[in-house]
Amino acid sequence: MVGLMVSFRPMARVSLTSSAQTRSLDTIPTPVRFGFGRPVTATELTRLDIDVQPDGKGLPAGAGTAVQGKVIFAVKCAACHGTGGTGGLGGALVTTSMTTTAVVGKRPDKTIGTYWPYATTVFDYIRRAMPFNEPGSLTDEEVYHLTAYLLHANGIIDEKATITAQTLPKVVMPAQKLFIPDDRRGGPEIR
């Protein structure tokens, strides 16, 4: 057993002041601006405001197929997610018998096919966060192709299906019924 040695020093006496005394000691006014940065332009904000809602609001123009997505996945994604997305350092994205068979004491992996509630979330996440070493570098077309490939690899869409801004929100994910929409009112509303 390894021991831990700790030494203590006697503390100096500290005098506590009331909050009113503390406020009176703080005589430096808070500046309106700190002298760096600038307001964001409308163009910059548009470039950053790329969220996609479950109903498809925010999806860009474009289209993708599983066949083309498979090629892109092999080049840009397989290093982290394994061949076919079945697992690697970045985790499994595709449901297989290995990911759905529960090992004693271990829950099955959460993959696109077993956990994600909306197909539009797949697109949104890939576009924002992938690839890990260069997030946001994929074109919208590449993201559509990758989304189609991953949905097909999980058995959710047909290989010949074309994913677009109109068709993607209509894809029903297997886990969608496991989620409850937050329809609360009276606070900050979801836009």
C-alpha atoms as a PDB file:
ATOM      1  CA  MET A   1       0.000   0.000   0.000  1.00  0.00           C
ATOM      2  CA  VAL A   2       1.322   3.412  -0.909  1.00  0.00           C
ATOM      3  CA  GLY A   3       1.042   6.096   1.753  1.00  0.00           C
ATOM      4  CA  LEU A   4       0.272   9.733   1.138  1.00  0.00           C
ATOM      5  CA  MET A   5       2.074  12.346   3.195  1.00  0.00           C
ATOM      6  CA  VAL A   6       0.388  15.689   3.656  1.00  0.00           C
ATOM      7  CA  SER A   7       1.737  18.610   5.622  1.00  0.00           C
ATOM      8  CA  PHE A   8      -0.375  21.415   6.996  1.00  0.00           C
ATOM      9  CA  ARG A   9       0.575  25.005   7.678  1.00  0.00           C
ATOM     10  CA  PRO A  10      -1.283  27.104  10.203  1.00  0.00           C
ATOM     11  CA  MET A  11      -3.623  29.551   8.464  1.00  0.00           C
ATOM     12  CA  ALA A  12      -3.337  33.276   8.967  1.00  0.00           C
ATOM     13  CA  ARG A  13      -6.344  34.938  10.495  1.00  0.00           C
ATOM     14  CA  VAL A  14      -8.685  36.284   7.864  1.00  0.00           C
ATOM     15  CA  SER A  15     -11.050  39.101   8.576  1.00  0.00           C
ATOM     16  CA  LEU A  16     -14.396  38.804   6.827  1.00  0.00           C
ATOM     17  CA  THR A  17     -16.135  41.903   5.548  1.00  0.00           C
ATOM     18  CA  SER A  18     -19.764  42.410   4.721  1.00  0.00           C
ATOM     19  CA  SER A  19     -20.868  42.514   1.080  1.00  0.00           C
ATOM     20  CA  ALA A  20     -21.567  46.264   1.420  1.00  0.00           C
ATOM     21  CA  GLN A  21     -17.972  46.846   2.526  1.00  0.00           C
ATOM     22  CA  THR A  22     -16.712  44.722  -0.364  1.00  0.00           C
ATOM     23  CA  ARG A  23     -18.761  46.689  -2.877  1.00  0.00           C
ATOM     24  CA  SER A  24     -17.438  49.987  -1.558  1.00  0.00           C
ATOM     25  CA  LEU A  25     -13.873  48.713  -1.953  1.00  0.00           C
ATOM     26  CA  ASP A  26     -14.504  47.881  -5.616  1.00  0.00           C
ATOM     27  CA  THR A  27     -14.077  51.300  -7.174  1.00  0.00           C
ATOM     28  CA  ILE A  28     -13.119  50.249 -10.690  1.00  0.00           C
ATOM     29  CA  PRO A  29     -16.143  50.569 -12.999  1.00  0.00           C
ATOM     30  CA  THR A  30     -16.911  47.729 -15.372  1.00  0.00           C
ATOM     31  CA  PRO A  31     -16.069  48.833 -18.922  1.00  0.00           C
ATOM     32  CA  VAL A  32     -18.733  48.852 -21.607  1.00  0.00           C
ATOM     33  CA  ARG A  33     -16.207  47.333 -24.050  1.00  0.00           C
ATOM     34  CA  PHE A  34     -12.920  45.657 -23.375  1.00  0.00           C
ATOM     35  CA  GLY A  35     -11.192  47.049 -26.464  1.00  0.00           C
ATOM     36  CA  PHE A  36     -10.871  43.876 -28.506  1.00  0.00           C
ATOM     37  CA  GLY A  37     -13.056  42.024 -30.951  1.00  0.00           C
ATOM     38  CA  ARG A  38     -15.774  43.445 -33.142  1.00  0.00           C
ATOM     39  CA  PRO A  39     -19.433  42.800 -33.818  1.00  0.00           C
ATOM     40  CA  VAL A  40     -20.081  39.791 -36.028  1.00  0.00           C
ATOM     41  CA  THR A  41     -21.221  40.564 -39.568  1.00  0.00           C
ATOM     42  CA  ALA A  42     -24.415  39.124 -41.037  1.00  0.00           C
ATOM     43  CA  THR A  43     -22.347  37.066 -43.506  1.00  0.00           C
ATOM     44  CA  GLU A  44     -20.228  35.564 -40.714  1.00  0.00           C
ATOM     45  CA  LEU A  45     -23.298  34.763 -38.666  1.00  0.00           C
ATOM     46  CA  THR A  46     -24.993  33.066 -41.623  1.00  0.00           C
ATOM     47  CA  ARG A  47     -21.905  30.917 -42.157  1.00  0.00           C
ATOM     48  CA  LEU A  48     -22.011  29.774 -38.498  1.00  0.00           C
ATOM     49  CA  ASP A  49     -25.793  29.401 -38.174  1.00  0.00           C
ATOM     50  CA  ILE A  50     -25.994  25.934 -39.745  1.00  0.00           C
ATOM     51  CA  ASP A  51     -28.217  24.041 -37.323  1.00  0.00           C
ATOM     52  CA  VAL A  52     -30.683  21.549 -38.763  1.00  0.00           C
ATOM     53  CA  GLN A  53     -33.998  20.882 -37.034  1.00  0.00           C
ATOM     54  CA  PRO A  54     -35.794  17.495 -36.927  1.00  0.00           C
ATOM     55  CA  ASP A  55     -38.328  18.788 -39.469  1.00  0.00           C
ATOM     56  CA  GLY A  56     -35.507  19.592 -41.915  1.00  0.00           C
ATOM     57  CA  LYS A  57     -35.449  23.343 -41.370  1.00  0.00           C
ATOM     58  CA  GLY A  58     -31.875  24.452 -42.059  1.00  0.00           C
ATOM     59  CA  LEU A  59     -30.960  21.688 -44.514  1.00  0.00           C
ATOM     60  CA  PRO A  60     -29.018  23.052 -47.488  1.00  0.00           C
ATOM     61  CA  ALA A  61     -29.614  22.196 -51.142  1.00  0.00           C
ATOM     62  CA  GLY A  62     -27.953  19.014 -52.287  1.00  0.00           C
ATOM     63  CA  ALA A  63     -28.412  15.279 -52.615  1.00  0.00           C
ATOM     64  CA  GLY A  64     -26.608  12.106 -51.671  1.00  0.00           C
ATOM     65  CA  THR A  65     -26.620   8.372 -52.271  1.00  0.00           C
ATOM     66  CA  ALA A  66     -25.296   5.456 -50.255  1.00  0.00           C
ATOM     67  CA  VAL A  67     -23.090   4.239 -53.118  1.00  0.00           C
ATOM     68  CA  GLN A  68     -21.156   7.513 -53.301  1.00  0.00           C
ATOM     69  CA  GLY A  69     -21.185   7.833 -49.501  1.00  0.00           C
ATOM     70  CA  LYS A  70     -19.472   4.464 -49.114  1.00  0.00           C
ATOM     71  CA  VAL A  71     -16.473   5.716 -51.117  1.00  0.00           C
ATOM     72  CA  ILE A  72     -16.237   8.949 -49.095  1.00  0.00           C
ATOM     73  CA  PHE A  73     -16.580   7.001 -45.843  1.00  0.00           C
ATOM     74  CA  ALA A  74     -13.688   4.690 -46.773  1.00  0.00           C
ATOM     75  CA  VAL A  75     -11.429   7.684 -47.427  1.00  0.00           C
ATOM     76  CA  LYS A  76     -12.464  10.158 -44.721  1.00  0.00           C
ATOM     77  CA  CYS A  77     -14.159   8.200 -41.910  1.00  0.00           C
ATOM     78  CA  ALA A  78     -12.975   4.574 -41.726  1.00  0.00           C
ATOM     79  CA  ALA A  79      -9.719   5.475 -39.954  1.00  0.00           C
ATOM     80  CA  CYS A  80     -11.731   6.386 -36.833  1.00  0.00           C
ATOM     81  CA  HIS A  81     -14.975   4.411 -37.245  1.00  0.00           C
ATOM     82  CA  GLY A  82     -13.633   1.219 -38.817  1.00  0.00           C
ATOM     83  CA  THR A  83     -14.417  -0.433 -42.112  1.00  0.00           C
ATOM     84  CA  GLY A  84     -18.081   0.080 -42.838  1.00  0.00           C
ATOM     85  CA  GLY A  85     -18.552   2.070 -39.614  1.00  0.00           C
ATOM     86  CA  THR A  86     -18.673  -1.034 -37.417  1.00  0.00           C
ATOM     87  CA  GLY A  87     -16.237   0.278 -34.828  1.00  0.00           C
ATOM     88  CA  GLY A  88     -12.849   1.793 -34.248  1.00  0.00           C
ATOM     89  CA  LEU A  89     -11.276   4.457 -32.072  1.00  0.00           C
ATOM     90  CA  GLY A  90     -14.208   6.766 -32.848  1.00  0.00           C
ATOM     91  CA  GLY A  91     -16.800   4.117 -31.998  1.00  0.00           C
ATOM     92  CA  ALA A  92     -19.353   2.185 -34.008  1.00  0.00           C
ATOM     93  CA  LEU A  93     -21.856   4.040 -36.173  1.00  0.00           C
ATOM     94  CA  VAL A  94     -23.456   1.015 -37.766  1.00  0.00           C
ATOM     95  CA  THR A  95     -25.562  -1.565 -35.967  1.00  0.00           C
ATOM     96  CA  THR A  96     -24.303  -5.122 -36.306  1.00  0.00           C
ATOM     97  CA  SER A  97     -25.045  -8.296 -34.379  1.00  0.00           C
ATOM     98  CA  MET A  98     -22.010  -7.444 -32.213  1.00  0.00           C
ATOM     99  CA  THR A  99     -23.386  -4.008 -31.294  1.00  0.00           C
ATOM    100  CA  THR A 100     -26.876  -5.258 -30.511  1.00  0.00           C
ATOM    101  CA  THR A 101     -25.929  -8.420 -28.613  1.00  0.00           C
ATOM    102  CA  ALA A 102     -25.616  -7.418 -24.997  1.00  0.00           C
ATOM    103  CA  VAL A 103     -22.547  -8.803 -23.295  1.00  0.00           C
ATOM    104  CA  VAL A 104     -23.239  -9.728 -19.666  1.00  0.00           C
ATOM    105  CA  GLY A 105     -22.939  -6.520 -17.662  1.00  0.00           C
ATOM    106  CA  LYS A 106     -22.554  -4.277 -20.719  1.00  0.00           C
ATOM    107  CA  ARG A 107     -25.200  -2.367 -22.640  1.00  0.00           C
ATOM    108  CA  PRO A 108     -25.113  -2.536 -26.441  1.00  0.00           C
ATOM    109  CA  ASP A 109     -23.364   0.325 -28.240  1.00  0.00           C
ATOM    110  CA  LYS A 110     -25.466   3.336 -29.167  1.00  0.00           C
ATOM    111  CA  THR A 111     -25.272   3.575 -32.934  1.00  0.00           C
ATOM    112  CA  ILE A 112     -27.153   5.566 -35.545  1.00  0.00           C
ATOM    113  CA  GLY A 113     -29.441   2.567 -36.024  1.00  0.00           C
ATOM    114  CA  THR A 114     -30.166   1.953 -32.336  1.00  0.00           C
ATOM    115  CA  TYR A 115     -30.146   5.362 -30.701  1.00  0.00           C
ATOM    116  CA  TRP A 116     -30.434   8.448 -32.918  1.00  0.00           C
ATOM    117  CA  PRO A 117     -34.007   9.835 -32.991  1.00  0.00           C
ATOM    118  CA  TYR A 118     -33.912  11.878 -36.217  1.00  0.00           C
ATOM    119  CA  ALA A 119     -32.152  11.348 -39.545  1.00  0.00           C
ATOM    120  CA  THR A 120     -31.578  15.101 -39.786  1.00  0.00           C
ATOM    121  CA  THR A 121     -29.417  14.869 -36.654  1.00  0.00           C
ATOM    122  CA  VAL A 122     -27.038  12.558 -38.531  1.00  0.00           C
ATOM    123  CA  PHE A 123     -26.591  15.208 -41.226  1.00  0.00           C
ATOM    124  CA  ASP A 124     -26.226  18.031 -38.677  1.00  0.00           C
ATOM    125  CA  TYR A 125     -23.626  16.193 -36.600  1.00  0.00           C
ATOM    126  CA  ILE A 126     -21.501  15.096 -39.561  1.00  0.00           C
ATOM    127  CA  ARG A 127     -21.527  18.608 -41.022  1.00  0.00           C
ATOM    128  CA  ARG A 128     -20.538  20.285 -37.755  1.00  0.00           C
ATOM    129  CA  ALA A 129     -18.124  17.843 -36.163  1.00  0.00           C
ATOM    130  CA  MET A 130     -16.603  15.535 -38.747  1.00  0.00           C
ATOM    131  CA  PRO A 131     -14.012  14.526 -39.629  1.00  0.00           C
ATOM    132  CA  PHE A 132     -12.468  14.721 -36.178  1.00  0.00           C
ATOM    133  CA  ASN A 133      -9.186  16.178 -37.436  1.00  0.00           C
ATOM    134  CA  GLU A 134     -10.861  18.816 -39.638  1.00  0.00           C
ATOM    135  CA  PRO A 135     -14.462  19.489 -38.547  1.00  0.00           C
ATOM    136  CA  GLY A 136     -16.610  21.440 -40.963  1.00  0.00           C
ATOM    137  CA  SER A 137     -14.391  20.641 -43.953  1.00  0.00           C
ATOM    138  CA  LEU A 138     -16.885  18.400 -45.757  1.00  0.00           C
ATOM    139  CA  THR A 139     -19.040  19.874 -48.511  1.00  0.00           C
ATOM    140  CA  ASP A 140     -22.821  19.690 -48.166  1.00  0.00           C
ATOM    141  CA  GLU A 141     -22.852  17.106 -50.993  1.00  0.00           C
ATOM    142  CA  GLU A 142     -20.332  14.934 -49.126  1.00  0.00           C
ATOM    143  CA  VAL A 143     -22.435  15.174 -45.966  1.00  0.00           C
ATOM    144  CA  TYR A 144     -25.562  14.110 -47.879  1.00  0.00           C
ATOM    145  CA  HIS A 145     -23.671  11.130 -49.361  1.00  0.00           C
ATOM    146  CA  LEU A 146     -22.286  10.107 -45.956  1.00  0.00           C
ATOM    147  CA  THR A 147     -25.701  10.456 -44.328  1.00  0.00           C
ATOM    148  CA  ALA A 148     -27.262   8.261 -47.031  1.00  0.00           C
ATOM    149  CA  TYR A 149     -24.495   5.678 -46.621  1.00  0.00           C
ATOM    150  CA  LEU A 150     -24.844   5.495 -42.834  1.00  0.00           C
ATOM    151  CA  LEU A 151     -28.633   5.280 -42.993  1.00  0.00           C
ATOM    152  CA  HIS A 152     -28.351   2.477 -45.562  1.00  0.00           C
ATOM    153  CA  ALA A 153     -25.612   0.655 -43.606  1.00  0.00           C
ATOM    154  CA  ASN A 154     -27.946   0.643 -40.585  1.00  0.00           C
ATOM    155  CA  GLY A 155     -30.766  -0.830 -42.699  1.00  0.00           C
ATOM    156  CA  ILE A 156     -32.915   2.299 -42.484  1.00  0.00           C
ATOM    157  CA  ILE A 157     -33.063   3.302 -46.159  1.00  0.00           C
ATOM    158  CA  ASP A 158     -32.670   1.451 -49.451  1.00  0.00           C
ATOM    159  CA  GLU A 159     -29.297   1.593 -51.207  1.00  0.00           C
ATOM    160  CA  LYS A 160     -30.872   3.284 -54.238  1.00  0.00           C
ATOM    161  CA  ALA A 161     -32.593   6.025 -52.214  1.00  0.00           C
ATOM    162  CA  THR A 162     -31.495   9.612 -52.804  1.00  0.00           C
ATOM    163  CA  ILE A 163     -31.328  11.802 -49.728  1.00  0.00           C
ATOM    164  CA  THR A 164     -32.249  15.492 -50.161  1.00  0.00           C
ATOM    165  CA  ALA A 165     -33.545  18.319 -47.995  1.00  0.00           C
ATOM    166  CA  GLN A 166     -37.058  17.092 -48.829  1.00  0.00           C
ATOM    167  CA  THR A 167     -36.551  13.338 -48.259  1.00  0.00           C
ATOM    168  CA  LEU A 168     -34.240  13.290 -45.221  1.00  0.00           C
ATOM    169  CA  PRO A 169     -36.787  14.653 -42.685  1.00  0.00           C
ATOM    170  CA  LYS A 170     -39.245  11.940 -43.789  1.00  0.00           C
ATOM    171  CA  VAL A 171     -36.904   9.109 -42.779  1.00  0.00           C
ATOM    172  CA  VAL A 172     -38.238   7.476 -39.616  1.00  0.00           C
ATOM    173  CA  MET A 173     -35.460   6.314 -37.313  1.00  0.00           C
ATOM    174  CA  PRO A 174     -35.895   3.064 -35.336  1.00  0.00           C
ATOM    175  CA  ALA A 175     -35.259   4.810 -31.993  1.00  0.00           C
ATOM    176  CA  GLN A 176     -37.538   7.817 -32.626  1.00  0.00           C
ATOM    177  CA  LYS A 177     -40.354   6.276 -30.598  1.00  0.00           C
ATOM    178  CA  LEU A 178     -38.017   6.076 -27.575  1.00  0.00           C
ATOM    179  CA  PHE A 179     -37.732   9.870 -27.345  1.00  0.00           C
ATOM    180  CA  ILE A 180     -40.355  12.278 -26.014  1.00  0.00           C
ATOM    181  CA  PRO A 181     -40.521  15.720 -27.666  1.00  0.00           C
ATOM    182  CA  ASP A 182     -40.066  18.635 -25.268  1.00  0.00           C
ATOM    183  CA  ASP A 183     -43.261  20.628 -25.782  1.00  0.00           C
ATOM    184  CA  ARG A 184     -43.070  22.676 -22.583  1.00  0.00           C
ATOM    185  CA  ARG A 185     -44.086  26.340 -22.780  1.00  0.00           C
ATOM    186  CA  GLY A 186     -43.459  29.360 -20.600  1.00  0.00           C
ATOM    187  CA  GLY A 187     -39.670  29.535 -20.842  1.00  0.00           C
ATOM    188  CA  PRO A 188     -37.109  29.928 -23.555  1.00  0.00           C
ATOM    189  CA  GLU A 189     -38.799  28.384 -26.569  1.00  0.00           C
ATOM    190  CA  ILE A 190     -37.078  26.294 -29.174  1.00  0.00           C
ATOM    191  CA  ARG A 191     -36.894  28.323 -32.364  1.00  0.00           C
END
